[in-house]
Amino acid sequence: MAMDAHEIEQLIKARLPTADVSIRDLAGDGDHYAAHVVATEFKGKTRVQQHKMVYDALGDRMGGVLHALALTTAPKD
C-alpha cells in the first residue's frame, strides 16, 4: 500500500500549519519520496528536532506505507 504526495503534504501541514512543503516521488512507486519543508515552527530548533517534528506529523506511516523519505528542512523567516 503506497501513499501519494498530496497525503504526505496534508499530514505535515496539519501538524505544521505554516509549512511550505514540496514533495517529489523518487522512484515512482509511491513509497520513496523526497520532501523539503520550510516552517516558522522550526525557528530555534536543531535540524534533528526539525526532522523529528516532520516524522511525528507522519506518525506510524514512516517505515510502513511510507518506506523512505529523504528530508530537508529549514526555518521560515
Protein backbone atom coordinates (compact mmCIF):
# COMPACT_ATOMS: atom_id res chain seq x y z
CA MET A 1 0.00 0.00 0.00
CA ALA A 2 1.50 3.32 -1.10
CA MET A 3 0.96 6.95 -0.11
CA ASP A 4 0.57 9.79 -2.54
CA ALA A 5 2.47 13.06 -2.29
CA HIS A 6 -0.67 15.06 -1.51
CA GLU A 7 -1.42 12.91 1.55
CA ILE A 8 2.12 13.40 2.87
CA GLU A 9 1.83 17.16 2.37
CA GLN A 10 -1.54 17.28 4.16
CA LEU A 11 -0.23 15.33 7.16
CA ILE A 12 2.75 17.66 7.50
CA LYS A 13 0.62 20.81 7.15
CA ALA A 14 -1.88 19.52 9.72
CA ARG A 15 0.92 19.46 12.32
CA LEU A 16 2.93 22.42 10.95
CA PRO A 17 0.34 24.88 9.59
CA THR A 18 2.87 27.49 8.39
CA ALA A 19 4.85 24.93 6.39
CA ASP A 20 5.73 25.28 2.74
CA VAL A 21 6.06 21.68 1.60
CA SER A 22 7.38 20.28 -1.67
CA ILE A 23 7.26 16.53 -2.26
CA ARG A 24 8.95 14.56 -5.03
CA ASP A 25 8.37 10.86 -5.77
CA LEU A 26 11.87 9.44 -6.16
CA ALA A 27 11.09 6.03 -7.61
CA GLY A 28 7.56 6.30 -8.99
CA ASP A 29 6.43 3.60 -6.57
CA GLY A 30 4.57 5.74 -4.04
CA ASP A 31 6.76 4.88 -1.07
CA HIS A 32 10.11 6.58 -1.76
CA TYR A 33 9.86 10.37 -1.54
CA ALA A 34 11.96 13.47 -1.04
CA ALA A 35 10.41 16.30 0.98
CA HIS A 36 11.55 19.87 1.54
CA VAL A 37 9.75 21.56 4.44
CA VAL A 38 10.16 25.20 5.47
CA ALA A 39 8.17 26.31 8.53
CA THR A 40 8.19 29.02 11.18
CA GLU A 41 7.70 26.25 13.77
CA PHE A 42 11.32 25.24 13.08
CA LYS A 43 12.73 28.56 14.29
CA GLY A 44 15.25 27.96 17.08
CA LYS A 45 15.17 24.18 16.58
CA THR A 46 18.11 22.00 15.60
CA ARG A 47 17.99 20.08 12.33
CA VAL A 48 17.35 16.87 14.28
CA GLN A 49 14.43 18.49 16.13
CA GLN A 50 13.02 19.79 12.84
CA HIS A 51 13.17 16.33 11.27
CA LYS A 52 11.56 14.78 14.35
CA MET A 53 8.67 17.25 14.05
CA VAL A 54 8.07 16.13 10.45
CA TYR A 55 8.36 12.43 11.32
CA ASP A 56 5.94 12.95 14.22
CA ALA A 57 3.48 14.50 11.76
CA LEU A 58 3.69 11.36 9.62
CA GLY A 59 3.19 9.09 12.61
CA ASP A 60 3.29 5.34 12.12
CA ARG A 61 3.20 5.70 8.33
CA MET A 62 7.00 6.07 8.35
CA GLY A 63 8.53 2.65 7.89
CA GLY A 64 5.12 1.28 6.95
CA VAL A 65 3.26 2.59 3.91
CA LEU A 66 5.95 5.24 3.53
CA HIS A 67 9.17 3.30 3.18
CA ALA A 68 11.69 6.13 2.69
CA LEU A 69 11.69 9.91 2.98
CA ALA A 70 14.74 11.99 2.06
CA LEU A 71 14.06 15.06 4.17
CA THR A 72 15.42 18.61 4.14
CA THR A 73 14.08 21.26 6.48
CA ALA A 74 14.64 24.92 7.23
CA PRO A 75 13.08 27.61 9.41
CA LYS A 76 10.91 30.14 7.62
CA ASP A 77 11.83 33.78 8.21
